[in-house]
């Protein structure tokens, strides 16, 4: 834990956590080593549970290009790696593309259509700034 005097001259990076007790500003959980974490999303129906949707791609944004590249290297296929996406609980195939600090996953095949979508991230060590899901709505029957 660092006090205000130690950190105000050199605030390192975005997304650091600080807590104040009214008199002192404390930096929380400072460590050079990054802990692994996992995330399991809820099921998304995008507000239309009775209409079939087609998931076209997902973008994951990182703090910098090095972190994005490291994450992309660990994800070699939809069955191996840290990132998995499901449409109606069926794993989706994807092709990935890396540009700057963004890893983009484009989904292929018929199975990318569904009513409910979810994704998982397992044993990730890099900080993710945002995740976006791009989809098209099917015809109303």
C-alpha atoms as a PDB file:
ATOM      1  CA  UNK A   1       0.000   0.000   0.000  1.00  0.00           C
ATOM      2  CA  UNK A   2       1.343   3.410  -0.960  1.00  0.00           C
ATOM      3  CA  UNK A   3       0.313   6.711   0.551  1.00  0.00           C
ATOM      4  CA  UNK A   4      -0.618   9.882  -1.325  1.00  0.00           C
ATOM      5  CA  UNK A   5       2.893  11.279  -0.997  1.00  0.00           C
ATOM      6  CA  UNK A   6       4.344   8.258  -2.831  1.00  0.00           C
ATOM      7  CA  UNK A   7       1.966   8.219  -5.767  1.00  0.00           C
ATOM      8  CA  UNK A   8       0.891  11.756  -6.683  1.00  0.00           C
ATOM      9  CA  UNK A   9       4.159  12.551  -8.466  1.00  0.00           C
ATOM     10  CA  UNK A  10       4.000   9.431 -10.617  1.00  0.00           C
ATOM     11  CA  UNK A  11       0.554   7.953 -11.202  1.00  0.00           C
ATOM     12  CA  UNK A  12       1.440   4.920 -13.287  1.00  0.00           C
ATOM     13  CA  UNK A  13      -1.428   3.841 -15.493  1.00  0.00           C
ATOM     14  CA  UNK A  14      -5.137   4.030 -15.993  1.00  0.00           C
ATOM     15  CA  UNK A  15      -7.395   1.679 -14.034  1.00  0.00           C
ATOM     16  CA  UNK A  16      -5.367   1.668 -10.829  1.00  0.00           C
ATOM     17  CA  UNK A  17      -7.507   1.499  -7.703  1.00  0.00           C
ATOM     18  CA  UNK A  18      -7.212   4.178  -5.019  1.00  0.00           C
ATOM     19  CA  UNK A  19      -9.155   4.525  -1.780  1.00  0.00           C
ATOM     20  CA  UNK A  20      -9.331   7.506   0.542  1.00  0.00           C
ATOM     21  CA  UNK A  21      -9.976   7.434   4.269  1.00  0.00           C
ATOM     22  CA  UNK A  22     -10.508  11.205   4.333  1.00  0.00           C
ATOM     23  CA  UNK A  23      -6.916  12.052   5.202  1.00  0.00           C
ATOM     24  CA  UNK A  24      -4.803   9.681   3.096  1.00  0.00           C
ATOM     25  CA  UNK A  25      -5.107   8.258  -0.421  1.00  0.00           C
ATOM     26  CA  UNK A  26      -4.200   4.547  -0.560  1.00  0.00           C
ATOM     27  CA  UNK A  27      -3.323   2.494  -3.631  1.00  0.00           C
ATOM     28  CA  UNK A  28      -5.089  -0.872  -3.398  1.00  0.00           C
ATOM     29  CA  UNK A  29      -3.746  -4.270  -4.557  1.00  0.00           C
ATOM     30  CA  UNK A  30      -0.563  -2.929  -6.107  1.00  0.00           C
ATOM     31  CA  UNK A  31       1.493  -5.772  -7.518  1.00  0.00           C
ATOM     32  CA  UNK A  32       3.875  -6.272 -10.409  1.00  0.00           C
ATOM     33  CA  UNK A  33       2.416  -9.749 -10.955  1.00  0.00           C
ATOM     34  CA  UNK A  34      -1.009 -10.041 -12.565  1.00  0.00           C
ATOM     35  CA  UNK A  35      -3.397 -12.595 -11.106  1.00  0.00           C
ATOM     36  CA  UNK A  36      -5.420 -14.895 -13.342  1.00  0.00           C
ATOM     37  CA  UNK A  37      -9.162 -14.440 -13.464  1.00  0.00           C
ATOM     38  CA  UNK A  38     -12.110 -16.043 -15.245  1.00  0.00           C
ATOM     39  CA  UNK A  39     -15.380 -14.512 -16.398  1.00  0.00           C
ATOM     40  CA  UNK A  40     -18.580 -16.271 -17.424  1.00  0.00           C
ATOM     41  CA  UNK A  41     -21.133 -13.965 -19.007  1.00  0.00           C
ATOM     42  CA  UNK A  42     -24.860 -14.130 -18.590  1.00  0.00           C
ATOM     43  CA  UNK A  43     -26.952 -15.304 -21.534  1.00  0.00           C
ATOM     44  CA  UNK A  44     -27.734 -12.424 -23.890  1.00  0.00           C
ATOM     45  CA  UNK A  45     -30.949 -12.284 -25.936  1.00  0.00           C
ATOM     46  CA  UNK A  46     -30.433  -8.617 -26.945  1.00  0.00           C
ATOM     47  CA  UNK A  47     -33.976  -7.733 -25.887  1.00  0.00           C
ATOM     48  CA  UNK A  48     -35.628 -10.129 -28.363  1.00  0.00           C
ATOM     49  CA  UNK A  49     -35.924 -13.577 -26.859  1.00  0.00           C
ATOM     50  CA  UNK A  50     -38.239 -14.936 -29.592  1.00  0.00           C
ATOM     51  CA  UNK A  51     -36.277 -13.692 -32.631  1.00  0.00           C
ATOM     52  CA  UNK A  52     -33.280 -15.575 -34.018  1.00  0.00           C
ATOM     53  CA  UNK A  53     -30.103 -13.508 -34.216  1.00  0.00           C
ATOM     54  CA  UNK A  54     -26.826 -14.015 -36.064  1.00  0.00           C
ATOM     55  CA  UNK A  55     -23.672 -13.131 -34.134  1.00  0.00           C
ATOM     56  CA  UNK A  56     -21.183 -11.749 -36.636  1.00  0.00           C
ATOM     57  CA  UNK A  57     -18.230 -10.682 -34.470  1.00  0.00           C
ATOM     58  CA  UNK A  58     -16.921  -9.719 -31.058  1.00  0.00           C
ATOM     59  CA  UNK A  59     -14.239  -7.173 -30.267  1.00  0.00           C
ATOM     60  CA  UNK A  60     -12.123  -7.207 -27.130  1.00  0.00           C
ATOM     61  CA  UNK A  61     -10.228  -3.984 -26.363  1.00  0.00           C
ATOM     62  CA  UNK A  62      -7.069  -4.027 -24.206  1.00  0.00           C
ATOM     63  CA  UNK A  63      -4.928  -1.274 -22.652  1.00  0.00           C
ATOM     64  CA  UNK A  64      -2.241  -1.572 -25.324  1.00  0.00           C
ATOM     65  CA  UNK A  65      -1.161  -3.521 -28.397  1.00  0.00           C
ATOM     66  CA  UNK A  66       1.221  -5.804 -26.449  1.00  0.00           C
ATOM     67  CA  UNK A  67      -1.560  -7.076 -24.177  1.00  0.00           C
ATOM     68  CA  UNK A  68      -3.865  -7.618 -27.161  1.00  0.00           C
ATOM     69  CA  UNK A  69      -1.143  -9.518 -29.014  1.00  0.00           C
ATOM     70  CA  UNK A  70      -0.432 -11.708 -25.993  1.00  0.00           C
ATOM     71  CA  UNK A  71      -4.137 -12.548 -25.614  1.00  0.00           C
ATOM     72  CA  UNK A  72      -4.468 -13.299 -29.349  1.00  0.00           C
ATOM     73  CA  UNK A  73      -1.479 -15.674 -29.275  1.00  0.00           C
ATOM     74  CA  UNK A  74      -3.102 -17.727 -26.495  1.00  0.00           C
ATOM     75  CA  UNK A  75      -6.318 -18.185 -28.490  1.00  0.00           C
ATOM     76  CA  UNK A  76      -5.444 -20.523 -31.326  1.00  0.00           C
ATOM     77  CA  UNK A  77      -8.888 -22.070 -31.925  1.00  0.00           C
ATOM     78  CA  UNK A  78     -12.438 -21.988 -30.596  1.00  0.00           C
ATOM     79  CA  UNK A  79     -11.829 -25.204 -28.620  1.00  0.00           C
ATOM     80  CA  UNK A  80      -8.432 -24.280 -27.119  1.00  0.00           C
ATOM     81  CA  UNK A  81      -7.595 -21.018 -25.450  1.00  0.00           C
ATOM     82  CA  UNK A  82      -8.975 -18.481 -23.053  1.00  0.00           C
ATOM     83  CA  UNK A  83     -11.995 -17.274 -25.031  1.00  0.00           C
ATOM     84  CA  UNK A  84     -15.106 -19.250 -25.992  1.00  0.00           C
ATOM     85  CA  UNK A  85     -18.454 -18.102 -27.397  1.00  0.00           C
ATOM     86  CA  UNK A  86     -21.713 -20.035 -27.454  1.00  0.00           C
ATOM     87  CA  UNK A  87     -24.973 -19.651 -29.394  1.00  0.00           C
ATOM     88  CA  UNK A  88     -27.761 -21.628 -27.716  1.00  0.00           C
ATOM     89  CA  UNK A  89     -25.009 -23.489 -25.801  1.00  0.00           C
ATOM     90  CA  UNK A  90     -23.209 -24.602 -28.993  1.00  0.00           C
ATOM     91  CA  UNK A  91     -19.572 -23.479 -29.267  1.00  0.00           C
ATOM     92  CA  UNK A  92     -18.924 -21.117 -32.200  1.00  0.00           C
ATOM     93  CA  UNK A  93     -16.065 -21.328 -34.699  1.00  0.00           C
ATOM     94  CA  UNK A  94     -14.186 -18.098 -35.308  1.00  0.00           C
ATOM     95  CA  UNK A  95     -11.340 -16.434 -37.126  1.00  0.00           C
ATOM     96  CA  UNK A  96      -9.400 -13.780 -35.272  1.00  0.00           C
ATOM     97  CA  UNK A  97      -7.832 -10.554 -36.366  1.00  0.00           C
ATOM     98  CA  UNK A  98      -5.514  -8.323 -34.372  1.00  0.00           C
ATOM     99  CA  UNK A  99      -5.168  -4.619 -34.918  1.00  0.00           C
ATOM    100  CA  UNK A 100      -3.623  -2.139 -32.505  1.00  0.00           C
ATOM    101  CA  UNK A 101      -5.065  -2.886 -29.040  1.00  0.00           C
ATOM    102  CA  UNK A 102      -8.128  -4.785 -30.335  1.00  0.00           C
ATOM    103  CA  UNK A 103      -8.642  -8.500 -30.915  1.00  0.00           C
ATOM    104  CA  UNK A 104     -11.587  -9.157 -33.236  1.00  0.00           C
ATOM    105  CA  UNK A 105     -13.272 -12.548 -33.500  1.00  0.00           C
ATOM    106  CA  UNK A 106     -15.392 -13.139 -36.643  1.00  0.00           C
ATOM    107  CA  UNK A 107     -17.783 -16.049 -36.378  1.00  0.00           C
ATOM    108  CA  UNK A 108     -18.208 -18.560 -39.184  1.00  0.00           C
ATOM    109  CA  UNK A 109     -20.661 -21.297 -40.024  1.00  0.00           C
ATOM    110  CA  UNK A 110     -24.356 -21.914 -39.541  1.00  0.00           C
ATOM    111  CA  UNK A 111     -24.108 -22.384 -35.777  1.00  0.00           C
ATOM    112  CA  UNK A 112     -23.577 -18.623 -35.206  1.00  0.00           C
ATOM    113  CA  UNK A 113     -27.372 -18.215 -35.389  1.00  0.00           C
ATOM    114  CA  UNK A 114     -29.350 -18.533 -32.196  1.00  0.00           C
ATOM    115  CA  UNK A 115     -31.606 -16.990 -29.586  1.00  0.00           C
ATOM    116  CA  UNK A 116     -29.226 -16.837 -26.610  1.00  0.00           C
ATOM    117  CA  UNK A 117     -25.517 -16.023 -26.655  1.00  0.00           C
ATOM    118  CA  UNK A 118     -22.851 -16.187 -23.957  1.00  0.00           C
ATOM    119  CA  UNK A 119     -19.057 -16.142 -23.710  1.00  0.00           C
ATOM    120  CA  UNK A 120     -16.379 -17.267 -21.283  1.00  0.00           C
ATOM    121  CA  UNK A 121     -12.889 -16.054 -20.479  1.00  0.00           C
ATOM    122  CA  UNK A 122     -10.700 -18.551 -18.581  1.00  0.00           C
ATOM    123  CA  UNK A 123      -7.434 -17.840 -16.758  1.00  0.00           C
ATOM    124  CA  UNK A 124      -6.918 -14.385 -18.274  1.00  0.00           C
ATOM    125  CA  UNK A 125      -4.066 -12.242 -16.951  1.00  0.00           C
ATOM    126  CA  UNK A 126      -4.518  -9.148 -19.120  1.00  0.00           C
ATOM    127  CA  UNK A 127      -6.834  -6.278 -18.274  1.00  0.00           C
ATOM    128  CA  UNK A 128      -9.766  -5.944 -20.671  1.00  0.00           C
ATOM    129  CA  UNK A 129     -11.155  -2.455 -21.245  1.00  0.00           C
ATOM    130  CA  UNK A 130     -14.283  -3.422 -23.167  1.00  0.00           C
ATOM    131  CA  UNK A 131     -16.059  -6.207 -25.023  1.00  0.00           C
ATOM    132  CA  UNK A 132     -18.562  -5.629 -27.810  1.00  0.00           C
ATOM    133  CA  UNK A 133     -20.858  -8.110 -29.536  1.00  0.00           C
ATOM    134  CA  UNK A 134     -22.044  -7.308 -33.076  1.00  0.00           C
ATOM    135  CA  UNK A 135     -25.119  -9.156 -34.321  1.00  0.00           C
ATOM    136  CA  UNK A 136     -27.904  -9.043 -36.929  1.00  0.00           C
ATOM    137  CA  UNK A 137     -31.558  -9.702 -36.237  1.00  0.00           C
ATOM    138  CA  UNK A 138     -33.226 -12.424 -38.289  1.00  0.00           C
ATOM    139  CA  UNK A 139     -36.659 -12.286 -39.856  1.00  0.00           C
ATOM    140  CA  UNK A 140     -39.693 -12.206 -37.611  1.00  0.00           C
ATOM    141  CA  UNK A 141     -41.783 -15.327 -38.211  1.00  0.00           C
END
